[in-house]
Protein backbone atom coordinates (compact mmCIF):
# COMPACT_ATOMS: atom_id res chain seq x y z
CA MET A 1 67.25 84.49 297.17
CA LYS A 2 64.51 82.58 298.95
CA PRO A 3 61.07 82.13 297.39
CA ILE A 4 58.71 84.93 298.32
CA ARG A 5 55.76 84.07 300.54
CA MET A 6 52.72 86.08 301.46
CA SER A 7 53.86 88.39 304.24
CA LEU A 8 54.24 92.12 304.62
CA SER A 9 57.82 92.99 305.50
CA LYS A 10 58.57 95.83 307.89
CA ASN A 11 59.82 97.84 304.90
CA ALA A 12 56.63 97.46 302.83
CA TRP A 13 54.62 100.31 304.31
CA PRO A 14 57.55 102.78 304.66
CA ARG A 15 58.41 102.02 301.04
CA PHE A 16 54.75 102.55 300.10
CA TRP A 17 54.67 105.92 301.86
CA GLY A 18 58.00 106.84 300.31
CA MET A 19 56.55 106.09 296.88
CA ILE A 20 53.70 108.56 297.49
CA THR A 21 56.02 111.30 298.76
CA ALA A 22 58.35 110.71 295.80
CA LEU A 23 55.38 111.26 293.48
CA ALA A 24 54.63 114.57 295.21
CA ARG A 25 58.25 115.70 294.70
CA SER A 26 58.53 114.48 291.11
CA GLU A 27 58.16 116.44 287.90
CA VAL A 28 54.47 115.46 287.77
CA GLY A 29 53.97 116.36 291.44
CA PRO A 30 52.23 119.74 290.85
CA GLN A 31 49.71 118.15 288.51
CA ALA A 32 49.12 115.26 290.94
CA LYS A 33 48.59 117.69 293.83
CA LEU A 34 46.07 119.67 291.78
CA PHE A 35 44.02 116.56 291.03
CA ALA A 36 44.25 115.47 294.69
CA ALA A 37 43.03 118.88 295.89
CA LEU A 38 40.12 118.81 293.45
CA LEU A 39 39.19 115.33 294.67
CA VAL A 40 39.03 116.56 298.29
CA VAL A 41 36.86 119.51 297.23
CA PHE A 42 34.53 117.20 295.33
CA LEU A 43 34.33 114.78 298.28
CA LEU A 44 33.34 117.61 300.62
CA SER A 45 30.77 118.79 298.06
CA ILE A 46 29.30 115.29 297.72
CA SER A 47 28.96 114.89 301.48
CA ALA A 48 27.34 118.33 301.81
CA LEU A 49 24.91 117.49 299.02
CA ASN A 50 24.07 114.16 300.71
CA VAL A 51 23.21 115.97 303.95
CA ILE A 52 21.10 118.52 302.07
CA ASN A 53 19.45 115.67 300.19
CA SER A 54 18.51 113.97 303.47
CA TYR A 55 16.67 117.08 304.69
CA VAL A 56 15.00 117.69 301.33
CA GLY A 57 13.91 114.04 301.31
CA ARG A 58 12.53 114.33 304.84
CA ASP A 59 10.41 117.39 304.03
CA PHE A 60 9.39 115.87 300.68
CA MET A 61 8.02 112.72 302.36
CA THR A 62 6.39 114.79 305.10
CA ALA A 63 4.61 116.87 302.43
CA ILE A 64 3.27 113.67 300.88
CA GLU A 65 2.06 112.44 304.26
CA SER A 66 0.42 115.86 304.98
CA LYS A 67 -1.07 116.02 301.43
CA GLU A 68 0.28 119.57 300.89
CA MET A 69 0.54 119.96 297.08
CA GLY A 70 2.42 123.30 297.11
CA THR A 71 5.04 122.03 299.53
CA PHE A 72 5.24 118.76 297.57
CA VAL A 73 5.98 120.60 294.28
CA LYS A 74 8.53 122.87 295.99
CA TYR A 75 10.56 119.98 297.42
CA ALA A 76 10.20 117.96 294.25
CA LEU A 77 11.92 120.80 292.35
CA LEU A 78 14.59 121.04 295.06
CA TYR A 79 15.10 117.29 294.72
CA LEU A 80 15.75 117.70 290.97
CA ILE A 81 18.19 120.57 291.55
CA VAL A 82 20.13 118.62 294.17
CA PHE A 83 20.22 115.57 291.87
CA ALA A 84 21.53 117.66 288.96
CA VAL A 85 24.29 119.28 291.02
CA SER A 86 25.18 115.92 292.60
CA THR A 87 25.47 114.36 289.14
CA MET A 88 27.88 117.03 287.94
CA VAL A 89 30.03 116.81 291.07
CA ALA A 90 30.11 112.98 290.95
CA VAL A 91 31.13 112.94 287.27
CA PHE A 92 33.97 115.44 287.78
CA HIS A 93 35.05 113.55 290.90
CA ARG A 94 35.31 110.33 288.88
CA TYR A 95 37.14 112.14 286.08
CA CYS A 96 39.77 113.57 288.46
CA GLU A 97 40.19 110.20 290.16
CA GLU A 98 40.87 108.45 286.84
CA ARG A 99 43.24 111.18 285.65
CA LEU A 100 45.22 111.07 288.89
CA GLY A 101 45.31 107.27 288.76
CA LEU A 102 46.59 107.32 285.17
CA LEU A 103 49.21 109.95 286.00
CA TRP A 104 50.41 107.96 289.00
CA ARG A 105 50.47 104.68 287.09
CA LYS A 106 52.56 106.14 284.26
CA TRP A 107 55.05 107.73 286.66
CA LEU A 108 55.38 104.64 288.87
CA THR A 109 55.62 102.21 285.95
CA ALA A 110 58.29 104.37 284.30
CA ARG A 111 60.30 104.32 287.55
CA ALA A 112 59.94 100.54 287.79
CA ILE A 113 61.05 100.12 284.16
CA ASP A 114 64.09 102.34 284.74
CA LYS A 115 65.05 100.34 287.84
CA TYR A 116 64.35 96.99 286.18
CA THR A 117 66.35 97.72 283.04
CA GLY A 118 69.18 99.61 284.77
CA ASP A 119 72.44 98.01 285.92
CA HIS A 120 71.34 94.69 284.34
CA ILE A 121 68.82 94.14 287.15
CA TYR A 122 66.47 92.22 284.80
CA PHE A 123 69.28 89.81 283.95
CA LYS A 124 70.43 89.25 287.54
CA MET A 125 66.88 88.63 288.74
CA ASN A 126 66.29 86.13 285.94
CA ALA A 127 69.65 84.35 286.27
CA TYR A 128 70.12 84.28 290.04
CA GLY A 129 66.79 85.16 291.65
CA ASP A 130 63.63 83.23 292.47
CA LEU A 131 61.02 85.95 292.05
CA LYS A 132 58.17 84.89 289.79
CA ASN A 133 56.67 86.98 287.01
CA PRO A 134 58.31 90.41 287.46
CA ASP A 135 56.73 91.47 284.14
CA GLN A 136 53.23 90.92 285.52
CA ARG A 137 54.08 92.82 288.69
CA ILE A 138 55.31 95.82 286.71
CA SER A 139 52.35 95.90 284.33
CA GLU A 140 49.27 94.55 286.11
CA ASP A 141 50.13 94.94 289.79
CA ILE A 142 51.19 98.58 289.45
CA ARG A 143 47.97 99.31 287.57
CA SER A 144 45.98 97.64 290.34
CA LEU A 145 47.99 99.39 293.06
CA THR A 146 47.44 102.90 291.74
CA ALA A 147 43.75 102.45 290.96
CA THR A 148 42.92 100.62 294.19
CA THR A 149 44.97 102.90 296.42
CA LEU A 150 43.16 105.94 295.10
CA SER A 151 39.84 104.18 295.50
CA PHE A 152 40.55 103.18 299.11
CA VAL A 153 41.98 106.56 300.09
CA LEU A 154 38.96 108.32 298.66
CA MET A 155 36.60 105.85 300.35
CA PHE A 156 38.36 106.46 303.67
CA LEU A 157 38.19 110.22 303.27
CA ASN A 158 34.57 109.99 302.20
CA ALA A 159 33.81 107.75 305.18
CA THR A 160 35.45 110.22 307.56
CA ILE A 161 33.58 113.17 306.09
CA THR A 162 30.33 111.16 306.10
CA VAL A 163 30.70 110.28 309.78
CA ILE A 164 31.30 113.92 310.64
CA ALA A 165 28.39 115.10 308.48
CA PHE A 166 25.77 112.50 309.46
CA ALA A 167 26.65 111.78 313.09
CA GLY A 168 24.92 115.02 314.10
CA VAL A 169 21.88 114.20 311.95
CA MET A 170 21.65 110.72 313.48
CA TRP A 171 22.08 112.04 317.03
CA SER A 172 19.29 114.57 316.50
CA ILE A 173 16.99 111.75 315.41
CA SER A 174 17.92 109.16 318.06
CA PRO A 175 21.10 108.73 320.14
CA LEU A 176 20.24 105.04 320.44
CA LEU A 177 20.25 104.68 316.65
CA LEU A 178 23.75 106.19 316.47
CA LEU A 179 25.03 103.74 319.10
CA VAL A 180 23.43 100.79 317.31
CA THR A 181 25.04 101.93 314.06
CA ILE A 182 28.54 101.97 315.59
CA LEU A 183 28.14 98.58 317.31
CA TYR A 184 26.60 96.94 314.22
CA ALA A 185 29.44 98.13 311.97
CA ALA A 186 32.13 97.07 314.47
CA ALA A 187 30.69 93.56 314.82
CA GLY A 188 30.38 93.25 311.04
CA SER A 189 33.98 94.29 310.46
CA LEU A 190 35.27 91.79 313.03
CA PHE A 191 33.34 88.84 311.58
CA SER A 192 34.31 89.79 308.01
CA TYR A 193 37.99 89.82 308.92
CA PHE A 194 37.96 86.35 310.48
CA LEU A 195 35.86 84.84 307.70
CA GLY A 196 37.79 86.41 304.82
CA ARG A 197 41.37 86.39 306.11
CA PRO A 198 42.41 83.36 303.94
CA LEU A 199 41.63 85.43 300.82
CA ILE A 200 44.86 87.44 301.21
CA GLN A 201 47.15 84.43 300.65
CA LEU A 202 44.82 82.90 298.07
CA ASN A 203 44.72 86.08 295.97
CA TYR A 204 48.51 86.31 296.11
CA ASP A 205 48.85 82.73 294.86
CA GLN A 206 46.20 83.22 292.21
CA SER A 207 48.13 86.05 290.57
CA ASP A 208 51.19 83.83 290.20
CA LYS A 209 49.23 80.83 288.96
CA GLU A 210 47.46 82.93 286.31
CA ALA A 211 50.82 84.33 285.16
CA ASN A 212 52.42 80.87 285.07
CA PHE A 213 49.60 79.55 282.89
CA ARG A 214 49.93 82.47 280.47
CA ALA A 215 53.71 82.03 280.38
CA ARG A 216 53.31 78.37 279.38
CA LEU A 217 50.88 79.31 276.60
CA LEU A 218 53.32 81.99 275.41
CA HIS A 219 56.10 79.39 275.38
CA VAL A 220 54.05 77.23 273.02
CA ARG A 221 53.50 80.13 270.64
CA GLU A 222 57.12 81.25 270.63
CA HIS A 223 58.51 77.73 270.06
CA ALA A 224 55.75 76.41 267.82
CA GLU A 225 58.04 75.12 265.06
CA ALA A 226 60.50 73.41 267.39
CA ILE A 227 57.67 71.77 269.34
CA ALA A 228 56.07 70.46 266.16
CA LEU A 229 59.39 69.09 264.88
CA VAL A 230 60.26 67.17 268.05
CA ARG A 231 56.62 66.14 268.60
CA GLN A 232 56.35 67.35 272.19
CA GLU A 233 52.66 68.21 272.04
CA ASP A 234 51.58 65.54 274.53
CA ARG A 235 54.08 66.61 277.17
CA LEU A 236 53.22 70.28 276.69
CA ARG A 237 49.53 69.47 276.83
CA ASP A 238 50.05 67.70 280.15
CA ARG A 239 51.97 70.67 281.51
CA LEU A 240 49.27 73.09 280.39
CA HIS A 241 46.59 70.97 282.02
CA ASP A 242 48.67 70.79 285.19
CA ARG A 243 49.02 74.59 285.30
CA LEU A 244 45.30 74.93 284.59
CA ASP A 245 44.41 72.46 287.36
CA GLN A 246 46.53 74.40 289.86
CA LEU A 247 44.91 77.66 288.81
CA ILE A 248 41.39 76.24 289.06
CA ALA A 249 42.03 74.52 292.40
CA ASN A 250 43.25 77.76 293.97
CA PHE A 251 40.35 79.70 292.47
CA ARG A 252 37.87 77.16 293.86
CA ARG A 253 39.30 77.79 297.32
CA ILE A 254 38.76 81.51 296.74
CA ILE A 255 35.15 80.81 295.73
CA ASP A 256 34.61 78.71 298.88
CA VAL A 257 35.88 81.50 301.13
CA ASN A 258 33.77 84.03 299.22
CA ARG A 259 30.73 81.80 299.74
CA ASN A 260 31.22 81.75 303.51
CA LEU A 261 31.90 85.47 303.55
CA GLY A 262 28.88 86.07 301.32
CA PHE A 263 26.49 84.38 303.77
CA PHE A 264 27.47 86.93 306.37
CA THR A 265 27.80 90.09 304.23
CA THR A 266 24.52 89.49 302.37
CA GLY A 267 22.55 89.09 305.58
CA TYR A 268 24.42 92.04 307.04
CA ASN A 269 23.36 94.24 304.12
CA TYR A 270 19.73 93.09 304.26
CA LEU A 271 19.43 94.06 307.94
CA ILE A 272 20.64 97.58 307.12
CA GLN A 273 17.32 98.22 305.36
CA ILE A 274 15.13 97.48 308.38
CA ILE A 275 17.13 98.49 311.47
CA PRO A 276 16.40 102.26 311.16
CA ALA A 277 12.67 101.64 310.74
CA LEU A 278 12.60 99.31 313.76
CA LEU A 279 14.07 102.05 315.95
CA VAL A 280 12.47 105.21 314.48
CA ALA A 281 8.99 103.96 313.52
CA PRO A 282 7.89 103.80 317.20
CA LEU A 283 8.81 107.50 317.52
CA PHE A 284 6.52 108.32 314.58
CA ILE A 285 3.74 106.12 315.92
CA SER A 286 3.93 107.84 319.32
CA GLY A 287 3.91 111.28 317.65
CA GLN A 288 7.48 112.18 318.61
CA ALA A 289 8.71 112.41 315.00
CA GLU A 290 7.42 113.30 311.54
CA PHE A 291 6.90 110.62 308.89
CA GLY A 292 9.79 112.01 306.81
CA VAL A 293 12.16 111.36 309.71
CA ILE A 294 11.85 107.63 309.00
CA THR A 295 13.26 108.05 305.48
CA GLN A 296 15.85 110.53 306.73
CA SER A 297 17.00 108.06 309.40
CA ALA A 298 17.23 105.28 306.80
CA MET A 299 19.38 107.50 304.56
CA ALA A 300 21.62 108.63 307.44
CA PHE A 301 21.92 105.07 308.74
CA GLY A 302 22.88 103.81 305.29
CA HIS A 303 25.57 106.45 304.88
CA LEU A 304 27.01 105.89 308.36
CA ILE A 305 26.96 102.10 308.06
CA GLY A 306 28.71 102.45 304.71
CA ALA A 307 31.34 104.65 306.32
CA PHE A 308 31.85 102.38 309.33
CA SER A 309 31.67 99.11 307.38
CA LEU A 310 34.41 99.51 304.77
CA ILE A 311 35.99 96.23 305.90
CA VAL A 312 32.68 94.38 305.46
CA THR A 313 31.82 95.83 302.08
CA GLN A 314 35.35 95.91 300.64
CA PHE A 315 37.03 92.89 302.21
CA GLN A 316 37.49 91.00 298.94
CA SER A 317 39.05 94.10 297.37
CA ILE A 318 41.17 94.69 300.47
CA SER A 319 42.50 91.12 300.37
CA ALA A 320 43.43 91.45 296.70
CA TYR A 321 44.98 94.85 297.42
CA SER A 322 47.08 93.42 300.26
CA ALA A 323 48.37 90.76 297.88
CA VAL A 324 49.33 93.45 295.35
CA ILE A 325 51.27 95.40 297.98
CA VAL A 326 53.15 92.27 299.03
CA ARG A 327 53.92 91.33 295.42
CA LEU A 328 55.25 94.79 294.60
CA SER A 329 57.20 94.92 297.85
CA ALA A 330 58.76 91.57 296.90
CA LEU A 331 59.62 93.01 293.49
CA ALA A 332 61.30 96.03 295.07
CA ASN A 333 63.22 93.78 297.48
CA ALA A 334 64.33 91.50 294.63
CA MET A 335 65.54 94.48 292.60
CA GLN A 336 67.47 95.77 295.61
CA VAL A 337 69.04 92.36 296.24
CA ALA A 338 70.04 92.13 292.58
CA ALA A 339 71.53 95.63 292.70
CA ASP A 340 73.49 94.79 295.87
CA THR A 341 74.76 91.44 294.58
CA ALA A 342 78.52 91.22 294.98
CA SER A 343 80.52 90.83 291.76
CA PRO A 344 84.10 91.39 290.64
CA ALA A 345 85.06 95.06 290.57
CA ILE A 346 84.96 96.60 287.10
CA THR A 347 87.26 99.50 286.24
CA TYR A 348 86.37 101.43 283.09
CA CYS A 349 89.01 103.36 281.22
CA SER A 350 88.73 105.46 278.07
CA ASP A 351 92.41 105.60 277.14
CA CYS A 352 94.08 102.50 278.61
CA GLY A 353 93.45 100.41 275.45
CA LEU A 354 93.29 96.98 277.06
CA ILE A 355 91.22 94.32 278.76
CA ALA A 356 92.82 93.07 281.98
CA PHE A 357 91.96 90.50 284.65
CA ASP A 358 93.72 90.94 287.99
CA ARG A 359 93.54 87.95 290.37
CA LEU A 360 90.05 87.22 289.07
CA THR A 361 88.32 84.33 290.85
CA LEU A 362 84.82 83.40 289.75
CA LYS A 363 82.42 81.20 291.70
CA SER A 364 79.00 79.72 291.04
CA PRO A 365 76.42 82.07 292.67
CA ARG A 366 74.30 79.12 293.77
CA SER A 367 76.77 76.39 294.80
CA GLY A 368 79.86 78.51 295.54
CA ARG A 369 82.05 76.18 293.45
CA HIS A 370 85.23 77.77 292.07
CA LEU A 371 85.09 78.08 288.29
CA ILE A 372 88.17 80.22 287.58
CA LYS A 373 91.04 80.81 290.01
CA ASP A 374 93.31 83.86 290.16
CA LEU A 375 93.20 84.75 286.47
CA THR A 376 95.76 87.52 285.88
CA VAL A 377 96.10 88.49 282.22
CA SER A 378 96.27 91.72 280.19
CA ILE A 379 95.09 91.89 276.60
CA PRO A 380 96.30 95.06 274.86
CA ALA A 381 94.69 96.47 271.72
CA GLY A 382 95.89 94.65 268.62
CA THR A 383 96.33 91.29 270.36
CA HIS A 384 93.83 88.62 269.29
CA VAL A 385 93.25 85.90 271.86
CA LEU A 386 91.54 82.52 271.69
CA ILE A 387 90.24 81.31 275.06
CA ARG A 388 89.47 77.63 275.52
CA VAL A 389 87.46 76.74 278.62
CA ALA A 390 86.95 73.11 279.59
CA ASP A 391 83.93 73.83 281.79
CA ASP A 392 80.90 75.48 280.16
CA SER A 393 79.98 77.08 283.49
CA ALA A 394 83.41 78.71 283.68
CA ARG A 395 83.09 79.89 280.08
CA THR A 396 79.73 81.48 280.85
CA ALA A 397 81.13 83.03 284.04
CA LEU A 398 84.08 84.66 282.27
CA PHE A 399 81.94 86.02 279.44
CA ARG A 400 79.32 87.42 281.81
CA ALA A 401 81.82 88.78 284.33
CA THR A 402 83.59 90.74 281.60
CA ALA A 403 80.20 92.14 280.62
CA SER A 404 79.36 93.06 284.28
CA LEU A 405 76.71 90.32 284.46
CA TRP A 406 78.22 87.82 286.93
CA SER A 407 77.46 87.74 290.63
CA GLY A 408 79.87 85.61 292.58
CA GLY A 409 83.58 86.22 292.64
CA GLU A 410 86.38 88.58 293.48
CA GLY A 411 89.23 90.35 291.81
CA GLU A 412 89.32 93.20 289.32
CA ILE A 413 88.49 93.57 285.65
CA THR A 414 89.77 96.50 283.63
CA ARG A 415 88.04 97.17 280.36
CA PRO A 416 87.37 100.03 277.95
CA ASP A 417 84.31 102.21 278.21
CA PRO A 418 81.10 100.44 277.14
CA GLY A 419 81.16 102.13 273.73
CA ASP A 420 84.59 100.65 272.97
CA LEU A 421 83.77 97.04 273.88
CA LEU A 422 80.94 95.01 272.35
CA PHE A 423 79.86 91.47 273.18
CA LEU A 424 78.53 88.88 270.73
CA PRO A 425 76.82 86.04 272.63
CA GLU A 426 76.64 82.48 271.36
CA ARG A 427 73.02 82.97 270.38
CA PRO A 428 72.71 86.36 268.70
CA TYR A 429 70.04 88.78 269.81
CA VAL A 430 68.34 90.73 267.04
CA PRO A 431 66.09 93.30 268.75
CA PRO A 432 62.70 94.31 267.34
CA GLY A 433 62.70 97.25 264.98
CA THR A 434 63.81 98.12 261.49
CA LEU A 435 67.01 96.79 259.95
CA ARG A 436 68.55 100.23 260.38
CA GLU A 437 67.72 100.24 264.11
CA VAL A 438 69.11 96.71 264.46
CA LEU A 439 72.43 97.71 262.87
CA LEU A 440 73.10 101.14 264.36
CA PRO A 441 74.59 101.35 267.87
CA ALA A 442 72.18 102.23 270.67
CA ALA A 443 72.55 105.59 272.42
CA THR A 444 73.39 103.89 275.70
CA GLU A 445 76.49 102.26 274.22
CA ARG A 446 77.96 105.65 273.46
CA HIS A 447 76.70 107.23 276.67
CA PRO A 448 77.51 104.90 279.57
CA ALA A 449 76.48 107.39 282.25
CA ASP A 450 73.04 106.73 283.64
CA GLN A 451 70.37 109.15 282.44
CA SER A 452 68.23 110.12 285.41
CA THR A 453 65.28 111.69 283.65
CA HIS A 454 63.15 110.92 280.63
CA ALA A 455 64.05 114.30 279.16
CA ALA A 456 67.77 113.56 279.47
CA ARG A 457 67.33 110.17 277.87
CA ALA A 458 65.29 111.63 275.04
CA GLU A 459 67.94 114.31 274.48
CA ALA A 460 70.73 111.72 274.48
CA ALA A 461 68.80 109.51 272.06
CA GLY A 462 68.18 112.50 269.78
CA LYS A 463 71.88 113.40 269.72
CA ALA A 464 72.84 109.79 269.08
CA LYS A 465 70.33 109.56 266.25
CA ALA A 466 71.64 112.76 264.71
CA GLY A 467 75.21 111.52 265.06
CA SER A 468 74.31 108.19 263.51
CA GLY A 469 72.70 109.97 260.59
CA ARG A 470 75.95 111.77 259.88
CA ARG A 471 78.17 108.75 260.43
CA PHE A 472 76.17 105.94 258.81
CA SER A 473 74.91 106.65 255.32
CA ASP A 474 72.59 104.19 253.58
CA GLU A 475 75.34 103.38 251.11
CA GLY A 476 77.82 102.65 253.91
CA ILE A 477 75.35 100.32 255.62
CA LEU A 478 74.47 98.53 252.38
CA THR A 479 78.14 98.14 251.44
CA THR A 480 78.85 96.44 254.77
CA LEU A 481 75.86 94.12 254.32
CA ARG A 482 76.95 93.21 250.81
CA ARG A 483 80.47 92.51 252.06
CA LEU A 484 78.95 90.08 254.54
CA LYS A 485 76.78 88.47 251.84
CA LEU A 486 73.50 89.60 253.41
CA VAL A 487 71.96 90.89 250.17
CA ALA A 488 69.25 88.21 250.28
CA ALA A 489 68.39 89.20 253.84
CA ILE A 490 68.09 92.85 252.78
CA GLU A 491 65.71 91.88 250.00
CA ARG A 492 63.56 89.79 252.36
CA ALA A 493 63.49 92.69 254.82
CA GLY A 494 62.29 95.06 252.09
CA GLY A 495 64.90 97.71 252.87
CA LEU A 496 66.42 99.32 255.90
CA ASP A 497 63.27 100.88 257.33
CA ASN A 498 60.76 98.04 257.46
CA GLU A 499 60.01 96.30 260.74
CA LYS A 500 60.15 92.51 260.56
CA GLY A 501 60.13 89.50 262.81
CA TRP A 502 63.86 88.84 262.51
CA GLY A 503 63.79 85.57 264.42
CA GLU A 504 61.49 84.10 261.76
CA LEU A 505 62.87 85.94 258.75
CA LEU A 506 66.58 85.15 259.27
CA SER A 507 68.36 81.89 259.96
CA LEU A 508 70.52 81.58 263.07
CA GLY A 509 73.64 81.98 260.96
CA GLU A 510 72.28 85.10 259.24
CA GLN A 511 71.43 86.57 262.64
CA GLN A 512 75.01 85.96 263.77
CA VAL A 513 76.42 87.60 260.63
CA LEU A 514 74.02 90.52 261.16
CA ALA A 515 75.45 90.90 264.67
CA PHE A 516 78.93 91.04 263.11
CA ALA A 517 77.68 93.75 260.75
CA ARG A 518 76.59 95.77 263.75
CA VAL A 519 80.10 95.46 265.21
CA LEU A 520 81.74 96.50 261.94
CA LEU A 521 79.53 99.59 261.74
CA ALA A 522 80.07 100.51 265.40
CA GLU A 523 83.88 100.00 265.12
CA PRO A 524 84.59 99.43 268.82
CA ALA A 525 88.17 98.97 270.02
CA PHE A 526 87.41 95.45 271.31
CA VAL A 527 84.83 92.74 270.68
CA PHE A 528 84.26 89.68 272.87
CA LEU A 529 82.95 86.65 270.92
CA ASP A 530 81.25 83.62 272.46
CA HIS A 531 81.52 80.48 270.30
CA PRO A 532 80.87 82.04 266.88
CA SER A 533 81.69 78.67 265.25
CA ARG A 534 78.52 77.10 266.65
CA ALA A 535 76.30 79.16 264.34
CA LEU A 536 78.77 79.68 261.48
CA THR A 537 81.10 77.55 259.39
CA GLU A 538 84.85 77.68 259.96
CA GLY A 539 85.29 79.56 256.67
CA GLN A 540 82.69 82.14 257.65
CA VAL A 541 84.34 82.69 261.03
CA ASP A 542 87.77 83.18 259.44
CA GLU A 543 86.37 85.68 256.95
CA LEU A 544 84.60 87.64 259.68
CA LEU A 545 87.69 87.70 261.89
CA HIS A 546 89.68 88.92 258.89
CA LEU A 547 87.22 91.82 258.49
CA LEU A 548 87.62 92.69 262.18
CA ARG A 549 91.41 92.79 261.70
CA GLU A 550 90.97 95.06 258.68
CA ARG A 551 88.96 97.52 260.78
CA GLY A 552 91.52 97.45 263.59
CA ILE A 553 89.10 95.79 266.02
CA THR A 554 90.73 93.58 268.65
CA TYR A 555 88.78 90.36 269.18
CA VAL A 556 88.81 87.90 272.06
CA THR A 557 87.07 84.60 271.33
CA LEU A 558 85.70 81.94 273.64
CA GLY A 559 86.14 78.97 271.33
CA GLU A 560 86.05 75.22 270.93
CA GLU A 561 88.88 72.70 271.34
CA ASP A 562 89.14 72.21 267.58
CA ASP A 563 88.87 75.89 266.57
CA ASP A 564 91.48 77.04 264.05
CA THR A 565 94.16 79.15 265.76
CA THR A 566 95.43 80.83 262.58
CA MET A 567 93.68 84.12 263.26
CA TYR A 568 94.94 84.41 266.86
CA ASP A 569 98.13 85.55 268.58
CA GLN A 570 97.74 83.88 271.96
CA LEU A 571 95.93 80.89 273.45
CA LEU A 572 94.52 81.09 276.97
CA THR A 573 93.37 77.72 278.35
CA ILE A 574 91.22 77.52 281.48
CA HIS A 575 91.21 73.99 282.85
CA ARG A 576 88.36 72.15 284.52
CA ASP A 577 89.79 72.75 288.00
CA GLY A 578 89.81 76.53 287.42
CA HIS A 579 93.55 76.92 286.86
CA TRP A 580 94.79 78.40 283.61
CA THR A 581 97.73 78.54 281.21
CA LEU A 582 98.73 81.14 278.63
CA VAL A 583 100.93 80.31 275.64
CA PRO A 584 101.89 82.15 272.44
CA LEU A 585 100.76 80.51 269.23
CA PRO A 586 103.37 79.37 266.70
CA GLY A 587 104.62 82.21 264.54
CA LYS A 588 103.02 84.85 266.77
CA ALA A 589 104.42 87.40 269.17
CA ALA A 590 105.58 85.55 272.25
CA ASP A 591 105.08 87.99 275.05
CA GLY A 592 105.92 91.47 276.30
CA GLU A 593 104.49 94.01 273.91
CA ARG A 594 101.61 91.96 272.56
CA LEU A 595 100.22 90.09 275.57
CA ILE A 596 101.26 90.84 279.11
CA GLN A 597 100.75 88.33 281.91
CA ALA A 598 100.78 90.20 285.22
């Protein structure tokens, strides 16, 4: 995947429109449509009140000029009434806008999370893609997109309604003033575009540079102990300063462009205050218009200029908004590329009872180098296999391909359903949550089918939780932990239902043993182990493998050259050139029923 640059693809706007139509058809669509309808009603009401206010203001100022106290009091009261009604309408308009924005943000973010976490997209993007900061795009950019889109749509609608409402008022005052208004706004928009165009790219880059700086600070916090032990503070400090310098340099360029744009927009806004008076005052002086018409023309001119000059007044926001659209479009494209990435075909079976590789060839996704060539092996249930791989890249490829995480290769892999095959990586992952949540299988492992709605996922999670409650008693969990000599870890955790920072509370070896406990409680048919001896002693590994045998769990281990073969039936060796050999271990079943080479 090539690095993303600041450009709107031809799919960006169709995808954007599709996102809006998908919202209208979604489960929250009726509520979104209600808020949208109310916003249109409030916009029409605000424009009508502005027109009424212009006439009330005209007669109010004329009453002052004529020194008519009764008329003055009458229009002063009307002014207060119009202000009160306008306040109520404006507040409810803002309320509906924020509610619709929040509703849209939640729905869109939930969709992005489902896409990002489904089919291992997050892993493929991180391992094989070049897109920067997808987390920031999902959290901050979606928030900005929903809020700013609503704001711009409402401004456009308001501008359209304002032009319709005040064009007649302006024409009745002076056709020349209406023409000047249109020409002034058009010239302002054109100059603003040429002066502020660099802001689009600069705002795009700024978002990434801010995220990169935060990511480096987060790295320091997460690896504080390791950094202190190896005394890497100076190098990290230099990297932080470098990220900060890049961030500041880009922001200074933004400030310089804003300065140039500000010279024009500030003068443009100052002239708005005097142009109506320059054109209408002569009419009053010659007796062709009342004094209040001057204030009415100023109000109408201000509203029309505001409607015609959205590019001038909102160019900085528009440039930032354009960057957000491009960033989210790049995120959607990256997710689609990750989803379409070619990988070996995986066949799932619930009753075949084996793991099989049929003419499996794995390549490096980046260089195309062959890592494994034409691997054809079947591993039935009950056969325990040690796999030695000379090349670490090939080892990683085989482990990930079996777990549906490798892009680059061909052939077929047959494996049990996800609930009957668990993977233990070299570095164990202990997710956040309580000890009970860490140990019990997730709902998705027992329900491989994709859940399309939040309600379905919640129902599946509820059933899984209920099933886990029946299957895993506290005593059963504690017995397994004691068998694995994790009593001290239980005591430090304070029980099964306390949330802890497991990465800090447990050693790497304890985390690996805890991962084994999770396998023993889940009782899958197969487990795929990646270098367990790197975190555990040889004696610990043998004991854990013995427990897996006791539970009838078939294990396949990616091991080291000097790993003990006592607990295995077959040895599969994958050489550095990608070719492989399969031999029975001394005293073990030789072939046929136990391990079948196709």
